[in-house]
Amino acid sequence: MTTPTDDHPERRPHGTGRLPTMRDVAEHVGMSRQLVSLVLRSAPGPSAESRERILAAAAALGYRPHTSARLLREGRTRLIGAVFSMRNPFQVRVVERLFARAAEQGFGVALGAAGPDRSTDQVVADLLGDRVEALVVFNPDPGSTALEEASRSVPVVLLGEWTDAPFADNVHVDEVGGLRTAVEHLVALGHRRIAYVGGEDGLVGRDRAEAYRSAMRGAGLGNEVDVVPSGFSEEDGAAAARTLVARGLLPTAVICCGDLCATGLLAVFAQQGVEVPGHVSVVGFDDSYLASLSYHRLTSVHQDVEATVDAALSAVIDRTTGDGGERRRVATPTRLEVRDSTGPAVE
């Protein structure tokens, strides 16, 4: 095996544990670094022959421009900081799509995973340290002041929950429309005793529970409102299922605050011999990949990933290139994806 030597400068970057540099390209073709820089920046001046040789050398060596260094010289990073939970399938899908859509606009995405061990304040501080030019944030910790402080230097878009915070644009799902559609679907199947599992975990939990109550009143079932307190996790859904089973008389249908919660509920129902939808119909919220799994086939309220990314990215671009006008409040549309977990009511 040939090892890199000074006699073979073209091989020097390979196996050294570093990426090839502009200097490596210059040494490879025997030209000045300044001339190579002009070619790689597509600047005028170099001859066609020099340009061809330098570009061929760069391709052969696997040279890639140091985009971050260039942007820093220009006083830009073109980075959007995304604060999200890696445990939430919908949030992960939004961030995945944001990567692709932001790249089309010349932006990158810096990830800020929040959770029990990393608060909103910590994540925001880290992202600002990376010199992000904007922040898109799912469901920040209640009472956190980091985002309001950050908004004095960068645009902030709050996702996932309804808020009238004057310092940020807001993109949230239409919980009212989504829960109304779910209740109407169940009522059309003959259900009246429709319980809701949720109501906890921040503003989103509260808002979805209230949307359920409103939908039940709208369907003339105000006296049947039944909220089983729960968060969004699988274990939260499992605990709620045990609570329902312990009552003795089950509702004929259950709407869960999210698909993760519904997954836990379905597992405990299966353990307890509660057939879905034979005994109880179940509806989730998010329409994540969990809902479409062949062993779940969960009816779920669909959140629109594309609409969420479109609205958030539009706000970021407008505010990083200008004032952007009045603060935006965007409710993304929902629809119900009907699968095998719902059926006619059995009293």
Protein backbone atom coordinates (compact mmCIF):
# COMPACT_ATOMS: atom_id res chain seq x y z
CA MET A 1 0.00 0.00 0.00
CA THR A 2 1.41 3.39 -0.99
CA THR A 3 1.64 5.94 1.82
CA PRO A 4 1.32 9.70 1.34
CA THR A 5 4.65 11.43 0.80
CA ASP A 6 5.89 14.82 -0.28
CA ASP A 7 6.66 13.19 -3.66
CA HIS A 8 2.95 12.51 -4.07
CA PRO A 9 1.18 15.69 -2.92
CA GLU A 10 -2.00 14.62 -4.69
CA ARG A 11 -2.33 11.75 -2.20
CA ARG A 12 -1.49 13.73 0.88
CA PRO A 13 -5.10 14.38 2.13
CA HIS A 14 -6.10 10.71 1.90
CA GLY A 15 -5.71 8.75 5.12
CA THR A 16 -4.59 11.77 7.13
CA GLY A 17 -7.85 12.08 9.00
CA ARG A 18 -8.65 15.53 7.57
CA LEU A 19 -10.55 16.90 4.62
CA PRO A 20 -8.58 18.26 1.65
CA THR A 21 -7.97 22.00 1.74
CA MET A 22 -7.52 24.72 -0.84
CA ARG A 23 -3.77 24.45 -0.21
CA ASP A 24 -3.90 20.74 -1.14
CA VAL A 25 -5.60 21.62 -4.43
CA ALA A 26 -2.98 24.29 -5.15
CA GLU A 27 -0.13 21.87 -4.48
CA HIS A 28 -1.78 19.21 -6.62
CA VAL A 29 -1.86 21.44 -9.72
CA GLY A 30 1.29 23.45 -8.92
CA MET A 31 -0.52 26.79 -8.88
CA SER A 32 -0.85 29.54 -6.31
CA ARG A 33 -3.45 29.35 -3.58
CA GLN A 34 -4.76 32.75 -4.67
CA LEU A 35 -5.44 31.47 -8.19
CA VAL A 36 -7.14 28.36 -6.83
CA SER A 37 -9.28 30.54 -4.57
CA LEU A 38 -10.45 32.62 -7.53
CA VAL A 39 -11.51 29.51 -9.42
CA LEU A 40 -13.27 27.86 -6.51
CA ARG A 41 -15.16 31.08 -5.79
CA SER A 42 -16.14 31.34 -9.48
CA ALA A 43 -14.45 34.75 -9.57
CA PRO A 44 -13.33 36.26 -12.91
CA GLY A 45 -9.66 36.29 -13.98
CA PRO A 46 -8.30 32.73 -14.35
CA SER A 47 -7.94 31.28 -17.85
CA ALA A 48 -10.20 28.52 -19.08
CA GLU A 49 -7.30 26.06 -18.95
CA SER A 50 -6.43 26.92 -15.32
CA ARG A 51 -10.08 26.75 -14.32
CA GLU A 52 -10.47 23.31 -15.88
CA ARG A 53 -7.32 21.91 -14.23
CA ILE A 54 -8.21 23.30 -10.80
CA LEU A 55 -11.80 22.06 -10.84
CA ALA A 56 -10.65 18.62 -11.98
CA ALA A 57 -8.09 18.51 -9.14
CA ALA A 58 -10.69 19.60 -6.60
CA ALA A 59 -13.04 16.82 -7.75
CA ALA A 60 -10.25 14.22 -7.67
CA LEU A 61 -9.23 15.16 -4.14
CA GLY A 62 -12.78 15.37 -2.86
CA TYR A 63 -12.41 19.05 -1.93
CA ARG A 64 -15.50 20.75 -0.50
CA PRO A 65 -15.75 24.50 0.17
CA HIS A 66 -15.67 25.51 3.84
CA THR A 67 -19.14 27.02 3.79
CA SER A 68 -19.20 27.88 7.49
CA ALA A 69 -15.95 29.83 7.28
CA ARG A 70 -17.16 31.75 4.24
CA LEU A 71 -20.45 32.65 5.88
CA LEU A 72 -18.72 33.77 9.06
CA ARG A 73 -16.50 36.07 7.01
CA GLU A 74 -19.70 37.52 5.57
CA GLY A 75 -21.19 37.91 9.05
CA ARG A 76 -23.79 35.17 8.40
CA THR A 77 -24.34 31.58 9.42
CA ARG A 78 -27.65 31.00 7.61
CA LEU A 79 -28.56 28.56 10.36
CA ILE A 80 -32.05 28.01 11.77
CA GLY A 81 -32.09 26.62 15.30
CA ALA A 82 -34.79 23.97 15.85
CA VAL A 83 -35.88 23.20 19.42
CA PHE A 84 -37.87 19.95 19.53
CA SER A 85 -38.40 16.65 21.33
CA MET A 86 -36.80 13.58 19.80
CA ARG A 87 -39.52 11.52 21.50
CA ASN A 88 -42.32 13.17 19.52
CA PRO A 89 -42.83 11.60 16.06
CA PHE A 90 -44.60 14.64 14.60
CA GLN A 91 -41.90 17.04 15.74
CA VAL A 92 -39.19 14.78 14.33
CA ARG A 93 -40.99 14.65 10.96
CA VAL A 94 -41.26 18.45 10.87
CA VAL A 95 -37.55 18.86 11.59
CA GLU A 96 -36.62 16.26 8.96
CA ARG A 97 -38.66 18.12 6.38
CA LEU A 98 -37.31 21.48 7.55
CA PHE A 99 -33.79 20.30 6.70
CA ALA A 100 -34.74 19.74 3.06
CA ARG A 101 -36.91 22.82 2.64
CA ALA A 102 -34.44 25.13 4.38
CA ALA A 103 -31.62 23.87 2.14
CA GLU A 104 -33.64 24.95 -0.90
CA GLN A 105 -33.52 28.49 0.51
CA GLY A 106 -29.81 28.34 1.33
CA PHE A 107 -30.28 27.70 5.07
CA GLY A 108 -29.03 24.94 7.33
CA VAL A 109 -30.65 23.62 10.50
CA ALA A 110 -28.95 23.34 13.89
CA LEU A 111 -30.63 20.79 16.14
CA GLY A 112 -31.58 21.53 19.73
CA ALA A 113 -33.10 18.47 21.39
CA ALA A 114 -35.04 19.40 24.53
CA GLY A 115 -36.28 17.06 27.22
CA PRO A 116 -36.26 16.30 30.94
CA ASP A 117 -32.48 16.71 31.09
CA ARG A 118 -32.22 19.73 28.77
CA SER A 119 -34.46 22.70 29.42
CA THR A 120 -35.61 25.25 26.86
CA ASP A 121 -33.22 27.79 28.40
CA GLN A 122 -30.23 25.46 27.99
CA VAL A 123 -31.06 24.50 24.42
CA VAL A 124 -31.69 28.09 23.34
CA ALA A 125 -28.40 29.21 24.91
CA ASP A 126 -26.51 26.50 23.01
CA LEU A 127 -28.15 27.42 19.70
CA LEU A 128 -27.46 31.12 20.14
CA GLY A 129 -23.86 30.13 20.83
CA ASP A 130 -23.87 28.53 17.37
CA ARG A 131 -24.95 31.95 16.02
CA VAL A 132 -28.26 30.80 14.57
CA GLU A 133 -30.16 33.46 12.65
CA ALA A 134 -33.63 32.32 13.77
CA LEU A 135 -35.29 29.90 16.18
CA VAL A 136 -38.24 27.56 15.55
CA VAL A 137 -39.39 26.09 18.83
CA PHE A 138 -41.87 23.35 19.73
CA ASN A 139 -43.71 23.69 23.04
CA PRO A 140 -41.16 25.54 25.20
CA ASP A 141 -41.04 25.06 28.95
CA PRO A 142 -43.77 27.11 30.67
CA GLY A 143 -42.30 30.17 32.30
CA SER A 144 -39.09 30.12 30.27
CA THR A 145 -37.81 33.61 29.52
CA ALA A 146 -35.05 32.53 27.15
CA LEU A 147 -37.12 32.90 23.99
CA GLU A 148 -38.38 36.39 24.75
CA GLU A 149 -34.79 37.43 25.44
CA ALA A 150 -33.57 35.70 22.27
CA SER A 151 -36.23 37.48 20.19
CA ARG A 152 -34.38 40.75 20.74
CA SER A 153 -31.61 39.46 18.47
CA VAL A 154 -33.18 36.77 16.24
CA PRO A 155 -36.67 35.96 14.91
CA VAL A 156 -38.58 33.34 16.91
CA VAL A 157 -41.35 31.06 15.62
CA LEU A 158 -43.31 29.05 18.21
CA LEU A 159 -44.74 25.76 16.95
CA GLY A 160 -47.25 23.24 18.22
CA GLU A 161 -49.28 25.30 20.65
CA TRP A 162 -51.48 28.36 20.49
CA THR A 163 -49.88 31.46 21.97
CA ASP A 164 -50.37 35.20 21.70
CA ALA A 165 -46.77 35.96 22.75
CA PRO A 166 -46.02 39.36 21.18
CA PHE A 167 -42.37 38.52 20.51
CA ALA A 168 -42.89 35.50 18.21
CA ASP A 169 -44.72 34.24 15.18
CA ASN A 170 -46.95 31.26 15.95
CA VAL A 171 -47.74 28.16 13.89
CA HIS A 172 -50.07 25.64 15.51
CA VAL A 173 -52.45 22.89 14.52
CA ASP A 174 -56.18 23.51 14.33
CA GLU A 175 -57.06 21.50 17.45
CA VAL A 176 -60.66 22.67 17.41
CA GLY A 177 -61.27 21.46 13.86
CA GLY A 178 -59.35 18.23 14.43
CA LEU A 179 -61.18 17.21 17.60
CA ARG A 180 -64.53 18.20 16.11
CA THR A 181 -63.89 15.90 13.13
CA ALA A 182 -62.94 13.04 15.46
CA VAL A 183 -66.06 13.44 17.59
CA GLU A 184 -68.31 13.75 14.53
CA HIS A 185 -66.81 10.55 13.08
CA LEU A 186 -67.55 8.64 16.28
CA VAL A 187 -71.05 10.07 16.64
CA ALA A 188 -71.82 8.98 13.08
CA LEU A 189 -70.83 5.45 14.16
CA GLY A 190 -73.39 5.61 16.99
CA HIS A 191 -71.07 6.52 19.88
CA ARG A 192 -72.22 8.74 22.72
CA ARG A 193 -69.98 7.76 25.65
CA ILE A 194 -66.81 9.20 24.16
CA ALA A 195 -63.96 9.72 26.63
CA TYR A 196 -60.86 11.83 26.11
CA VAL A 197 -57.42 10.86 27.40
CA GLY A 198 -55.24 13.95 27.82
CA GLY A 199 -55.40 17.43 29.27
CA GLU A 200 -51.95 17.49 30.87
CA ASP A 201 -48.47 18.61 29.73
CA GLY A 202 -48.43 22.31 28.95
CA LEU A 203 -50.59 24.47 26.76
CA VAL A 204 -51.05 21.81 24.08
CA GLY A 205 -52.53 19.38 26.59
CA ARG A 206 -54.92 22.00 27.91
CA ASP A 207 -55.96 23.25 24.45
CA ARG A 208 -56.71 19.81 23.04
CA ALA A 209 -58.80 18.86 26.05
CA GLU A 210 -60.80 22.06 25.70
CA ALA A 211 -61.24 21.39 21.97
CA TYR A 212 -62.67 17.96 22.86
CA ARG A 213 -65.11 19.52 25.35
CA SER A 214 -66.22 22.05 22.73
CA ALA A 215 -66.71 19.32 20.13
CA MET A 216 -68.81 17.24 22.53
CA ARG A 217 -71.00 20.23 23.36
CA GLY A 218 -71.36 20.94 19.65
CA ALA A 219 -72.55 17.37 19.10
CA GLY A 220 -75.15 17.75 21.89
CA LEU A 221 -73.12 15.50 24.21
CA GLY A 222 -72.11 18.04 26.83
CA ASN A 223 -73.40 15.74 29.59
CA GLU A 224 -71.14 12.91 28.34
CA VAL A 225 -67.85 14.84 28.60
CA ASP A 226 -65.29 12.55 30.23
CA VAL A 227 -61.64 13.67 30.47
CA VAL A 228 -59.16 11.15 31.85
CA PRO A 229 -56.09 13.20 32.87
CA SER A 230 -53.01 12.12 30.95
CA GLY A 231 -49.82 13.32 29.34
CA PHE A 232 -48.62 12.43 25.85
CA SER A 233 -46.29 9.47 26.46
CA GLU A 234 -46.91 5.74 26.00
CA GLU A 235 -46.82 5.19 29.76
CA ASP A 236 -49.32 8.01 30.23
CA GLY A 237 -51.68 6.27 27.81
CA ALA A 238 -51.13 2.93 29.54
CA ALA A 239 -51.97 4.44 32.94
CA ALA A 240 -55.14 6.01 31.52
CA ALA A 241 -56.19 2.66 30.04
CA ARG A 242 -55.81 1.01 33.45
CA THR A 243 -57.94 3.77 34.98
CA LEU A 244 -60.67 3.17 32.39
CA VAL A 245 -60.61 -0.61 32.84
CA ALA A 246 -60.79 -0.25 36.63
CA ARG A 247 -64.05 1.67 36.32
CA GLY A 248 -65.87 -1.43 35.15
CA LEU A 249 -68.09 0.32 32.61
CA LEU A 250 -65.94 1.35 29.66
CA PRO A 251 -66.79 4.18 27.27
CA THR A 252 -67.61 3.00 23.79
CA ALA A 253 -64.92 5.25 22.30
CA VAL A 254 -61.74 6.98 23.44
CA ILE A 255 -59.93 9.89 21.80
CA CYS A 256 -56.27 10.21 22.81
CA CYS A 257 -54.27 13.44 22.91
CA GLY A 258 -51.55 11.93 20.70
CA ASP A 259 -50.51 8.74 18.92
CA LEU A 260 -47.87 7.88 21.51
CA CYS A 261 -50.52 8.02 24.21
CA ALA A 262 -52.86 5.91 22.07
CA THR A 263 -50.10 3.31 21.60
CA GLY A 264 -49.84 2.79 25.36
CA LEU A 265 -53.60 2.66 25.70
CA LEU A 266 -53.91 0.03 22.93
CA ALA A 267 -51.24 -2.14 24.57
CA VAL A 268 -53.02 -2.24 27.94
CA PHE A 269 -56.40 -2.82 26.29
CA ALA A 270 -54.87 -5.82 24.50
CA GLN A 271 -53.49 -7.16 27.80
CA GLN A 272 -56.88 -6.75 29.47
CA GLY A 273 -58.83 -8.37 26.64
CA VAL A 274 -60.56 -5.16 25.58
CA GLU A 275 -61.11 -5.54 21.86
CA VAL A 276 -60.51 -2.53 19.58
CA PRO A 277 -62.84 -1.61 17.94
CA GLY A 278 -65.07 -4.50 19.09
CA HIS A 279 -65.49 -3.16 22.62
CA VAL A 280 -63.97 0.32 22.38
CA SER A 281 -63.09 2.47 19.37
CA VAL A 282 -59.84 4.44 19.67
CA VAL A 283 -58.72 7.63 17.92
CA GLY A 284 -55.24 9.16 18.08
CA PHE A 285 -53.89 12.59 17.22
CA ASP A 286 -50.92 13.40 14.93
CA ASP A 287 -51.25 10.62 12.34
CA SER A 288 -47.61 9.71 12.94
CA TYR A 289 -45.95 6.58 11.58
CA LEU A 290 -47.24 4.77 14.67
CA ALA A 291 -50.82 5.18 13.47
CA SER A 292 -50.22 3.43 10.15
CA LEU A 293 -48.30 0.44 11.56
CA SER A 294 -49.94 -2.79 10.43
CA TYR A 295 -50.59 -3.96 14.00
CA HIS A 296 -52.15 -0.65 15.07
CA ARG A 297 -54.08 0.70 12.06
CA LEU A 298 -55.06 3.62 14.27
CA THR A 299 -57.63 6.18 13.21
CA SER A 300 -55.92 9.51 13.86
CA VAL A 301 -56.23 13.25 13.38
CA HIS A 302 -53.68 14.16 10.72
CA GLN A 303 -51.34 17.10 11.32
CA ASP A 304 -49.95 18.63 8.13
CA VAL A 305 -46.14 18.51 8.20
CA GLU A 306 -45.75 20.41 4.92
CA ALA A 307 -48.07 23.21 6.01
CA THR A 308 -46.21 23.54 9.32
CA VAL A 309 -42.82 23.74 7.61
CA ASP A 310 -44.10 26.14 4.95
CA ALA A 311 -45.52 28.57 7.50
CA ALA A 312 -42.50 28.42 9.82
CA LEU A 313 -39.93 28.79 7.05
CA SER A 314 -41.87 31.61 5.42
CA ALA A 315 -41.84 33.56 8.68
CA VAL A 316 -38.11 32.92 9.18
CA ILE A 317 -37.15 34.03 5.68
CA ASP A 318 -39.33 37.12 5.76
CA ARG A 319 -37.93 38.22 9.11
CA THR A 320 -34.29 37.48 8.29
CA THR A 321 -34.55 39.50 5.08
CA GLY A 322 -36.71 42.32 6.44
CA ASP A 323 -39.26 43.24 9.07
CA GLY A 324 -41.86 40.72 7.98
CA GLY A 325 -44.82 42.83 9.12
CA GLU A 326 -47.30 41.92 11.87
CA ARG A 327 -46.79 38.82 13.97
CA ARG A 328 -48.34 35.78 12.31
CA ARG A 329 -50.83 33.37 13.85
CA VAL A 330 -51.22 30.37 11.53
CA ALA A 331 -53.51 27.41 12.27
CA THR A 332 -52.53 24.48 10.06
CA PRO A 333 -55.38 22.30 8.74
CA THR A 334 -56.29 18.82 9.98
CA ARG A 335 -58.18 15.86 8.59
CA LEU A 336 -59.16 12.50 10.00
CA GLU A 337 -57.38 9.40 8.69
CA VAL A 338 -59.84 6.58 9.28
CA ARG A 339 -58.32 3.15 9.84
CA ASP A 340 -59.28 -0.06 11.65
CA SER A 341 -59.38 1.17 15.27
CA THR A 342 -62.85 2.71 15.00
CA GLY A 343 -66.15 0.98 14.31
CA PRO A 344 -69.83 1.01 15.26
CA ALA A 345 -70.70 1.54 18.92
CA VAL A 346 -71.42 -1.60 20.93
CA GLU A 347 -73.34 -0.87 24.13
